Amino acid sequence: WVMSGLATLIFWGIAVLPWDLWITLVRGSSASLLAGSALGVAAYMAGRVARDQWKLLSQATLWAVHGLLGLGFSHTVLHPENNVVGTSSFEVRITPECSGYEGMGLIAVLLSIALWTFRRDFRFPRALALLPLAMTLMWLANAVRITALVALGTWGYPELAVGGFHSL
């Protein structure tokens, strides 16, 4: 399926622009294409490594969601051994995809690219503090997202909560 998708993209490209123009474009930007491909492979490999380390992050996410739920609901549920958090009427399981590592990795890669691209505009080494700050904010946003999911389910919209922006 990967080869079919790649062939489809190539044929679409040829249909949009003449072959000669594509060759000129690729020759003129071969360094950028190579760097982008290398960054993509590095980001994919980092994601694979992070996926194996999700348990610790899932526990932190679990406790953060439980704390946020405690601000608005009197009866909360927490089962750390099963990675389950929620209220008495709606619960979710924190799976690897829910732990927040994907968003943290994505923001780390994108911010690293921005720091490198605009390095003359940033004050180093102070600018490097943006990486842990952005990753922490991304993790917190994920915890707020899961809290909102549980709140929607608790308030009587379980289909929207599960199907709207979360997959089990």
N, C-alpha and C. Protein backbone atom coordinates (compact mmCIF):
# COMPACT_ATOMS: atom_id res chain seq x y z
N TRP A 1 0.82 -1.19 0.00
CA TRP A 1 0.00 0.00 0.00
C TRP A 1 0.86 1.26 0.00
N VAL A 2 2.06 1.17 0.60
CA VAL A 2 2.95 2.32 0.60
C VAL A 2 3.40 2.63 -0.82
N MET A 3 3.77 1.60 -1.55
CA MET A 3 4.23 1.81 -2.92
C MET A 3 3.09 2.34 -3.80
N SER A 4 1.88 1.85 -3.60
CA SER A 4 0.73 2.36 -4.37
C SER A 4 0.48 3.83 -4.06
N GLY A 5 0.56 4.19 -2.79
CA GLY A 5 0.39 5.58 -2.40
C GLY A 5 1.47 6.47 -2.99
N LEU A 6 2.71 6.00 -2.96
CA LEU A 6 3.82 6.77 -3.53
C LEU A 6 3.66 6.93 -5.04
N ALA A 7 3.28 5.85 -5.71
CA ALA A 7 3.06 5.92 -7.16
C ALA A 7 1.93 6.89 -7.49
N THR A 8 0.88 6.87 -6.69
CA THR A 8 -0.24 7.80 -6.90
C THR A 8 0.22 9.24 -6.77
N LEU A 9 0.99 9.54 -5.74
CA LEU A 9 1.51 10.90 -5.56
C LEU A 9 2.41 11.32 -6.72
N ILE A 10 3.24 10.42 -7.18
CA ILE A 10 4.13 10.73 -8.31
C ILE A 10 3.32 11.04 -9.56
N PHE A 11 2.33 10.21 -9.86
CA PHE A 11 1.52 10.44 -11.06
C PHE A 11 0.69 11.71 -10.95
N TRP A 12 0.19 12.02 -9.76
CA TRP A 12 -0.52 13.28 -9.56
C TRP A 12 0.42 14.46 -9.82
N GLY A 13 1.64 14.35 -9.29
CA GLY A 13 2.61 15.42 -9.50
C GLY A 13 2.93 15.63 -10.96
N ILE A 14 3.09 14.54 -11.70
CA ILE A 14 3.38 14.63 -13.13
C ILE A 14 2.19 15.22 -13.88
N ALA A 15 0.98 14.93 -13.40
CA ALA A 15 -0.21 15.49 -14.04
C ALA A 15 -0.32 16.99 -13.82
N VAL A 16 0.20 17.47 -12.69
CA VAL A 16 0.09 18.90 -12.36
C VAL A 16 1.19 19.71 -13.03
N LEU A 17 2.43 19.22 -12.97
CA LEU A 17 3.56 19.94 -13.56
C LEU A 17 4.32 19.03 -14.52
N PRO A 18 4.92 19.60 -15.55
CA PRO A 18 5.69 18.78 -16.49
C PRO A 18 6.91 18.12 -15.81
N TRP A 19 7.30 16.98 -16.34
CA TRP A 19 8.41 16.20 -15.79
C TRP A 19 9.70 17.02 -15.72
N ASP A 20 9.98 17.84 -16.73
CA ASP A 20 11.20 18.66 -16.76
C ASP A 20 11.26 19.62 -15.58
N LEU A 21 10.12 20.20 -15.25
CA LEU A 21 10.06 21.14 -14.13
C LEU A 21 10.30 20.43 -12.80
N TRP A 22 9.77 19.22 -12.64
CA TRP A 22 10.00 18.45 -11.42
C TRP A 22 11.48 18.15 -11.24
N ILE A 23 12.14 17.75 -12.31
CA ILE A 23 13.57 17.45 -12.24
C ILE A 23 14.35 18.69 -11.81
N THR A 24 14.00 19.84 -12.37
CA THR A 24 14.67 21.10 -11.99
C THR A 24 14.42 21.42 -10.52
N LEU A 25 13.18 21.25 -10.07
CA LEU A 25 12.85 21.52 -8.66
C LEU A 25 13.59 20.60 -7.71
N VAL A 26 13.66 19.32 -8.04
CA VAL A 26 14.34 18.35 -7.17
C VAL A 26 15.84 18.63 -7.13
N ARG A 27 16.44 18.95 -8.26
CA ARG A 27 17.87 19.26 -8.28
C ARG A 27 18.17 20.51 -7.46
N GLY A 28 17.31 21.49 -7.53
CA GLY A 28 17.53 22.74 -6.82
C GLY A 28 17.30 22.64 -5.32
N SER A 29 16.57 21.65 -4.88
CA SER A 29 16.28 21.54 -3.45
C SER A 29 16.62 20.16 -2.90
N SER A 30 17.60 19.51 -3.46
CA SER A 30 17.94 18.16 -3.01
C SER A 30 18.44 18.14 -1.57
N ALA A 31 19.18 19.17 -1.15
CA ALA A 31 19.66 19.21 0.24
C ALA A 31 18.49 19.33 1.21
N SER A 32 17.49 20.14 0.88
CA SER A 32 16.32 20.30 1.73
C SER A 32 15.50 19.01 1.78
N LEU A 33 15.36 18.35 0.64
CA LEU A 33 14.63 17.08 0.61
C LEU A 33 15.33 16.02 1.45
N LEU A 34 16.66 15.97 1.34
CA LEU A 34 17.42 15.00 2.13
C LEU A 34 17.33 15.30 3.62
N ALA A 35 17.46 16.57 3.99
CA ALA A 35 17.37 16.96 5.41
C ALA A 35 15.98 16.68 5.96
N GLY A 36 14.95 16.99 5.18
CA GLY A 36 13.58 16.73 5.61
C GLY A 36 13.31 15.24 5.79
N SER A 37 13.82 14.45 4.88
CA SER A 37 13.66 12.99 5.00
C SER A 37 14.38 12.46 6.23
N ALA A 38 15.58 12.95 6.47
CA ALA A 38 16.34 12.51 7.65
C ALA A 38 15.62 12.92 8.94
N LEU A 39 15.08 14.13 8.98
CA LEU A 39 14.32 14.56 10.16
C LEU A 39 13.07 13.72 10.36
N GLY A 40 12.41 13.38 9.28
CA GLY A 40 11.22 12.54 9.38
C GLY A 40 11.54 11.16 9.92
N VAL A 41 12.61 10.56 9.44
CA VAL A 41 13.02 9.25 9.94
C VAL A 41 13.43 9.34 11.41
N ALA A 42 14.16 10.41 11.77
CA ALA A 42 14.57 10.59 13.17
C ALA A 42 13.36 10.76 14.08
N ALA A 43 12.37 11.52 13.65
CA ALA A 43 11.16 11.72 14.45
C ALA A 43 10.40 10.40 14.60
N TYR A 44 10.34 9.61 13.53
CA TYR A 44 9.66 8.32 13.60
C TYR A 44 10.38 7.39 14.58
N MET A 45 11.69 7.33 14.50
CA MET A 45 12.46 6.46 15.40
C MET A 45 12.33 6.92 16.85
N ALA A 46 12.35 8.22 17.08
CA ALA A 46 12.17 8.74 18.44
C ALA A 46 10.80 8.36 18.98
N GLY A 47 9.79 8.40 18.13
CA GLY A 47 8.45 7.98 18.53
C GLY A 47 8.40 6.50 18.89
N ARG A 48 9.10 5.69 18.15
CA ARG A 48 9.15 4.24 18.47
C ARG A 48 9.81 3.99 19.81
N VAL A 49 10.90 4.71 20.08
CA VAL A 49 11.59 4.57 21.37
C VAL A 49 10.68 5.04 22.50
N ALA A 50 10.02 6.19 22.31
CA ALA A 50 9.14 6.75 23.33
C ALA A 50 7.95 5.83 23.60
N ARG A 51 7.48 5.15 22.58
CA ARG A 51 6.32 4.26 22.77
C ARG A 51 6.64 3.16 23.78
N ASP A 52 7.88 2.71 23.81
CA ASP A 52 8.26 1.68 24.75
C ASP A 52 8.39 2.21 26.17
N GLN A 53 8.46 3.52 26.34
CA GLN A 53 8.66 4.13 27.65
C GLN A 53 7.40 4.84 28.15
N TRP A 54 6.25 4.47 27.68
CA TRP A 54 5.03 5.21 27.94
C TRP A 54 4.48 5.01 29.34
N LYS A 55 4.82 3.94 30.02
CA LYS A 55 4.18 3.60 31.30
C LYS A 55 4.36 4.71 32.35
N LEU A 56 5.57 5.22 32.49
CA LEU A 56 5.81 6.27 33.47
C LEU A 56 5.00 7.52 33.14
N LEU A 57 4.97 7.91 31.89
CA LEU A 57 4.23 9.09 31.48
C LEU A 57 2.72 8.87 31.64
N SER A 58 2.26 7.66 31.40
CA SER A 58 0.82 7.40 31.55
C SER A 58 0.40 7.53 33.00
N GLN A 59 1.24 7.14 33.93
CA GLN A 59 0.91 7.30 35.35
C GLN A 59 0.83 8.78 35.72
N ALA A 60 1.76 9.57 35.22
CA ALA A 60 1.72 11.01 35.50
C ALA A 60 0.47 11.63 34.90
N THR A 61 0.11 11.22 33.69
CA THR A 61 -1.11 11.73 33.05
C THR A 61 -2.33 11.31 33.84
N LEU A 62 -2.33 10.07 34.30
CA LEU A 62 -3.44 9.55 35.10
C LEU A 62 -3.67 10.39 36.35
N TRP A 63 -2.61 10.69 37.07
CA TRP A 63 -2.72 11.47 38.30
C TRP A 63 -3.10 12.92 38.00
N ALA A 64 -2.60 13.47 36.92
CA ALA A 64 -2.96 14.84 36.55
C ALA A 64 -4.44 14.94 36.21
N VAL A 65 -4.95 14.00 35.43
CA VAL A 65 -6.37 13.99 35.07
C VAL A 65 -7.22 13.80 36.32
N HIS A 66 -6.79 12.91 37.19
CA HIS A 66 -7.54 12.70 38.45
C HIS A 66 -7.60 13.99 39.26
N GLY A 67 -6.49 14.70 39.33
CA GLY A 67 -6.47 15.97 40.06
C GLY A 67 -7.38 17.00 39.43
N LEU A 68 -7.36 17.09 38.10
CA LEU A 68 -8.22 18.05 37.41
C LEU A 68 -9.70 17.68 37.57
N LEU A 69 -10.00 16.40 37.53
CA LEU A 69 -11.38 15.97 37.72
C LEU A 69 -11.87 16.31 39.13
N GLY A 70 -10.97 16.22 40.10
CA GLY A 70 -11.33 16.53 41.48
C GLY A 70 -11.74 17.98 41.67
N LEU A 71 -11.34 18.85 40.75
CA LEU A 71 -11.73 20.26 40.84
C LEU A 71 -13.21 20.48 40.51
N GLY A 72 -13.79 19.59 39.72
CA GLY A 72 -15.16 19.80 39.30
C GLY A 72 -16.14 18.70 39.65
N PHE A 73 -15.63 17.56 40.06
CA PHE A 73 -16.51 16.43 40.37
C PHE A 73 -16.20 15.90 41.76
N SER A 74 -17.25 15.56 42.50
CA SER A 74 -17.04 15.10 43.87
C SER A 74 -16.69 13.61 43.94
N HIS A 75 -17.18 12.82 43.01
CA HIS A 75 -16.92 11.38 43.04
C HIS A 75 -16.06 11.00 41.84
N THR A 76 -14.77 10.87 42.07
CA THR A 76 -13.85 10.48 41.01
C THR A 76 -13.37 9.06 41.23
N VAL A 77 -12.94 8.45 40.15
CA VAL A 77 -12.46 7.07 40.16
C VAL A 77 -11.02 7.05 39.70
N LEU A 78 -10.18 6.29 40.39
CA LEU A 78 -8.79 6.15 40.00
C LEU A 78 -8.35 4.72 40.27
N HIS A 79 -7.91 4.04 39.23
CA HIS A 79 -7.37 2.68 39.33
C HIS A 79 -6.01 2.67 38.63
N PRO A 80 -4.93 3.06 39.35
CA PRO A 80 -3.61 3.16 38.70
C PRO A 80 -3.11 1.84 38.11
N GLU A 81 -3.49 0.72 38.73
CA GLU A 81 -3.01 -0.57 38.23
C GLU A 81 -3.56 -0.89 36.85
N ASN A 82 -4.72 -0.35 36.51
CA ASN A 82 -5.33 -0.57 35.20
C ASN A 82 -5.29 0.66 34.31
N ASN A 83 -4.67 1.73 34.80
CA ASN A 83 -4.61 3.01 34.06
C ASN A 83 -6.00 3.56 33.76
N VAL A 84 -6.91 3.45 34.72
CA VAL A 84 -8.28 3.92 34.55
C VAL A 84 -8.52 5.12 35.45
N VAL A 85 -9.16 6.14 34.87
CA VAL A 85 -9.51 7.35 35.61
C VAL A 85 -10.88 7.82 35.13
N GLY A 86 -11.63 8.48 35.99
CA GLY A 86 -12.92 8.98 35.57
C GLY A 86 -13.77 9.40 36.74
N THR A 87 -15.06 9.37 36.51
CA THR A 87 -16.03 9.68 37.54
C THR A 87 -16.85 8.41 37.79
N SER A 88 -17.80 8.50 38.71
CA SER A 88 -18.60 7.32 39.02
C SER A 88 -19.46 6.88 37.84
N SER A 89 -19.72 7.77 36.87
CA SER A 89 -20.57 7.41 35.74
C SER A 89 -19.83 7.26 34.41
N PHE A 90 -18.56 7.64 34.34
CA PHE A 90 -17.82 7.54 33.08
C PHE A 90 -16.32 7.41 33.38
N GLU A 91 -15.71 6.40 32.79
CA GLU A 91 -14.28 6.14 33.01
C GLU A 91 -13.58 5.97 31.67
N VAL A 92 -12.28 6.27 31.66
CA VAL A 92 -11.44 6.01 30.48
C VAL A 92 -10.15 5.34 30.92
N ARG A 93 -9.57 4.63 30.00
CA ARG A 93 -8.28 3.99 30.24
C ARG A 93 -7.21 4.80 29.51
N ILE A 94 -6.13 5.12 30.23
CA ILE A 94 -5.02 5.85 29.63
C ILE A 94 -4.14 4.81 28.93
N THR A 95 -4.19 4.83 27.59
CA THR A 95 -3.39 3.91 26.78
C THR A 95 -2.13 4.64 26.32
N PRO A 96 -1.22 3.94 25.66
CA PRO A 96 0.00 4.63 25.19
C PRO A 96 -0.30 5.87 24.36
N GLU A 97 -1.31 5.80 23.52
CA GLU A 97 -1.65 6.93 22.67
C GLU A 97 -2.19 8.12 23.47
N CYS A 98 -2.73 7.84 24.66
CA CYS A 98 -3.32 8.90 25.49
C CYS A 98 -2.33 9.51 26.47
N SER A 99 -1.17 8.92 26.62
CA SER A 99 -0.26 9.36 27.67
C SER A 99 0.36 10.72 27.40
N GLY A 100 0.38 11.16 26.17
CA GLY A 100 0.88 12.48 25.84
C GLY A 100 2.24 12.51 25.18
N TYR A 101 2.88 11.36 25.05
CA TYR A 101 4.24 11.37 24.49
C TYR A 101 4.27 11.77 23.02
N GLU A 102 3.22 11.45 22.28
CA GLU A 102 3.21 11.81 20.85
C GLU A 102 3.21 13.32 20.66
N GLY A 103 2.35 14.00 21.41
CA GLY A 103 2.31 15.45 21.32
C GLY A 103 3.59 16.10 21.79
N MET A 104 4.17 15.54 22.85
CA MET A 104 5.43 16.07 23.36
C MET A 104 6.55 15.88 22.34
N GLY A 105 6.57 14.73 21.71
CA GLY A 105 7.59 14.48 20.70
C GLY A 105 7.41 15.38 19.49
N LEU A 106 6.16 15.57 19.09
CA LEU A 106 5.88 16.43 17.94
C LEU A 106 6.31 17.87 18.22
N ILE A 107 5.99 18.38 19.40
CA ILE A 107 6.36 19.76 19.71
C ILE A 107 7.88 19.88 19.84
N ALA A 108 8.53 18.84 20.35
CA ALA A 108 10.00 18.87 20.46
C ALA A 108 10.65 18.94 19.08
N VAL A 109 10.15 18.15 18.15
CA VAL A 109 10.71 18.15 16.79
C VAL A 109 10.43 19.49 16.11
N LEU A 110 9.19 19.94 16.15
CA LEU A 110 8.85 21.19 15.47
C LEU A 110 9.58 22.39 16.08
N LEU A 111 9.68 22.43 17.40
CA LEU A 111 10.38 23.55 18.04
C LEU A 111 11.87 23.48 17.76
N SER A 112 12.43 22.28 17.71
CA SER A 112 13.85 22.15 17.38
C SER A 112 14.13 22.67 15.97
N ILE A 113 13.24 22.34 15.05
CA ILE A 113 13.39 22.84 13.68
C ILE A 113 13.29 24.37 13.66
N ALA A 114 12.32 24.92 14.41
CA ALA A 114 12.16 26.38 14.46
C ALA A 114 13.38 27.04 15.09
N LEU A 115 13.90 26.45 16.16
CA LEU A 115 15.09 27.01 16.81
C LEU A 115 16.29 27.01 15.85
N TRP A 116 16.42 25.95 15.08
CA TRP A 116 17.53 25.88 14.14
C TRP A 116 17.32 26.85 12.98
N THR A 117 16.12 26.86 12.44
CA THR A 117 15.83 27.70 11.28
C THR A 117 15.97 29.19 11.61
N PHE A 118 15.50 29.58 12.78
CA PHE A 118 15.52 30.99 13.16
C PHE A 118 16.55 31.25 14.26
N ARG A 119 17.65 30.53 14.23
CA ARG A 119 18.67 30.61 15.29
C ARG A 119 19.25 32.01 15.46
N ARG A 120 19.26 32.79 14.43
CA ARG A 120 19.79 34.16 14.55
C ARG A 120 18.85 35.09 15.31
N ASP A 121 17.58 34.70 15.37
CA ASP A 121 16.58 35.51 16.05
C ASP A 121 16.41 35.18 17.53
N PHE A 122 16.95 34.03 17.96
CA PHE A 122 16.81 33.61 19.35
C PHE A 122 18.08 33.92 20.13
N ARG A 123 17.93 34.04 21.43
CA ARG A 123 19.07 34.24 22.33
C ARG A 123 19.42 32.90 22.96
N PHE A 124 20.52 32.36 22.55
CA PHE A 124 20.98 31.08 23.09
C PHE A 124 21.95 31.34 24.22
N PRO A 125 22.02 30.52 25.22
CA PRO A 125 21.32 29.25 25.44
C PRO A 125 19.95 29.42 26.06
N ARG A 126 19.54 30.65 26.34
CA ARG A 126 18.24 30.91 26.97
C ARG A 126 17.10 30.33 26.15
N ALA A 127 17.19 30.35 24.85
CA ALA A 127 16.11 29.87 23.98
C ALA A 127 15.88 28.37 24.16
N LEU A 128 16.88 27.64 24.61
CA LEU A 128 16.72 26.19 24.80
C LEU A 128 15.73 25.87 25.92
N ALA A 129 15.44 26.84 26.78
CA ALA A 129 14.43 26.64 27.83
C ALA A 129 13.04 26.48 27.23
N LEU A 130 12.87 26.89 25.97
CA LEU A 130 11.57 26.72 25.32
C LEU A 130 11.21 25.25 25.13
N LEU A 131 12.21 24.39 24.94
CA LEU A 131 11.92 22.97 24.70
C LEU A 131 11.21 22.31 25.88
N PRO A 132 11.77 22.32 27.10
CA PRO A 132 11.04 21.69 28.19
C PRO A 132 9.73 22.40 28.52
N LEU A 133 9.70 23.71 28.36
CA LEU A 133 8.47 24.46 28.62
C LEU A 133 7.37 24.05 27.65
N ALA A 134 7.69 23.99 26.37
CA ALA A 134 6.70 23.61 25.36
C ALA A 134 6.25 22.17 25.54
N MET A 135 7.18 21.29 25.86
CA MET A 135 6.80 19.88 26.06
C MET A 135 5.90 19.73 27.29
N THR A 136 6.18 20.48 28.33
CA THR A 136 5.34 20.43 29.54
C THR A 136 3.94 20.97 29.23
N LEU A 137 3.88 22.08 28.50
CA LEU A 137 2.57 22.64 28.14
C LEU A 137 1.78 21.68 27.25
N MET A 138 2.46 20.98 26.37
CA MET A 138 1.78 20.01 25.51
C MET A 138 1.22 18.85 26.35
N TRP A 139 2.00 18.40 27.33
CA TRP A 139 1.53 17.32 28.20
C TRP A 139 0.33 17.79 29.02
N LEU A 140 0.39 19.01 29.55
CA LEU A 140 -0.74 19.54 30.31
C LEU A 140 -1.98 19.69 29.44
N ALA A 141 -1.80 20.13 28.20
CA ALA A 141 -2.94 20.25 27.28
C ALA A 141 -3.58 18.88 27.04
N ASN A 142 -2.76 17.84 26.97
CA ASN A 142 -3.29 16.49 26.80
C ASN A 142 -4.10 16.08 28.03
N ALA A 143 -3.61 16.40 29.23
CA ALA A 143 -4.34 16.08 30.45
C ALA A 143 -5.68 16.83 30.49
N VAL A 144 -5.69 18.07 30.05
CA VAL A 144 -6.94 18.84 29.99
C VAL A 144 -7.89 18.22 28.96
N ARG A 145 -7.35 17.75 27.85
CA ARG A 145 -8.17 17.09 26.82
C ARG A 145 -8.86 15.85 27.38
N ILE A 146 -8.10 15.03 28.10
CA ILE A 146 -8.68 13.81 28.67
C ILE A 146 -9.70 14.16 29.74
N THR A 147 -9.42 15.20 30.53
CA THR A 147 -10.38 15.65 31.54
C THR A 147 -11.67 16.09 30.87
N ALA A 148 -11.58 16.81 29.77
CA ALA A 148 -12.77 17.25 29.03
C ALA A 148 -13.53 16.04 28.48
N LEU A 149 -12.80 15.03 28.03
CA LEU A 149 -13.43 13.80 27.54
C LEU A 149 -14.26 13.16 28.64
N VAL A 150 -13.69 13.04 29.83
CA VAL A 150 -14.41 12.44 30.96
C VAL A 150 -15.60 13.32 31.35
N ALA A 151 -15.42 14.63 31.34
CA ALA A 151 -16.52 15.53 31.70
C ALA A 151 -17.68 15.37 30.71
N LEU A 152 -17.39 15.31 29.41
CA LEU A 152 -18.45 15.11 28.42
C LEU A 152 -19.19 13.80 28.66
N GLY A 153 -18.45 12.75 28.92
CA GLY A 153 -19.07 11.46 29.17
C GLY A 153 -19.92 11.47 30.43
N THR A 154 -19.45 12.16 31.44
CA THR A 154 -20.17 12.23 32.72
C THR A 154 -21.45 13.06 32.56
N TRP A 155 -21.41 14.09 31.77
CA TRP A 155 -22.57 14.97 31.59
C TRP A 155 -23.60 14.42 30.62
N GLY A 156 -23.43 13.17 30.20
CA GLY A 156 -24.44 12.53 29.38
C GLY A 156 -24.16 12.46 27.91
N TYR A 157 -22.94 12.69 27.51
CA TYR A 157 -22.58 12.63 26.09
C TYR A 157 -21.45 11.61 25.86
N PRO A 158 -21.66 10.35 26.25
CA PRO A 158 -20.57 9.37 26.11
C PRO A 158 -20.19 9.10 24.66
N GLU A 159 -21.16 9.14 23.73
CA GLU A 159 -20.84 8.89 22.33
C GLU A 159 -19.94 10.00 21.79
N LEU A 160 -20.27 11.22 22.15
CA LEU A 160 -19.45 12.36 21.73
C LEU A 160 -18.06 12.29 22.36
N ALA A 161 -18.02 11.92 23.62
CA ALA A 161 -16.74 11.83 24.34
C ALA A 161 -15.83 10.78 23.72
N VAL A 162 -16.36 9.61 23.48
CA VAL A 162 -15.55 8.51 22.96
C VAL A 162 -15.30 8.68 21.46
N GLY A 163 -16.32 9.02 20.71
CA GLY A 163 -16.19 9.11 19.26
C GLY A 163 -15.73 10.45 18.75
N GLY A 164 -15.91 11.49 19.54
CA GLY A 164 -15.60 12.84 19.06
C GLY A 164 -14.14 13.15 18.94
N PHE A 165 -13.36 12.88 19.99
CA PHE A 165 -11.95 13.22 19.92
C PHE A 165 -11.08 12.24 20.68
N HIS A 166 -11.53 11.02 20.79
CA HIS A 166 -10.75 9.98 21.47
C HIS A 166 -11.11 8.64 20.87
N SER A 167 -10.14 7.79 20.70
CA SER A 167 -10.42 6.45 20.19
C SER A 167 -9.98 5.43 21.20
N LEU A 168 -10.77 4.41 21.37
CA LEU A 168 -10.45 3.34 22.32
C LEU A 168 -9.97 2.11 21.61
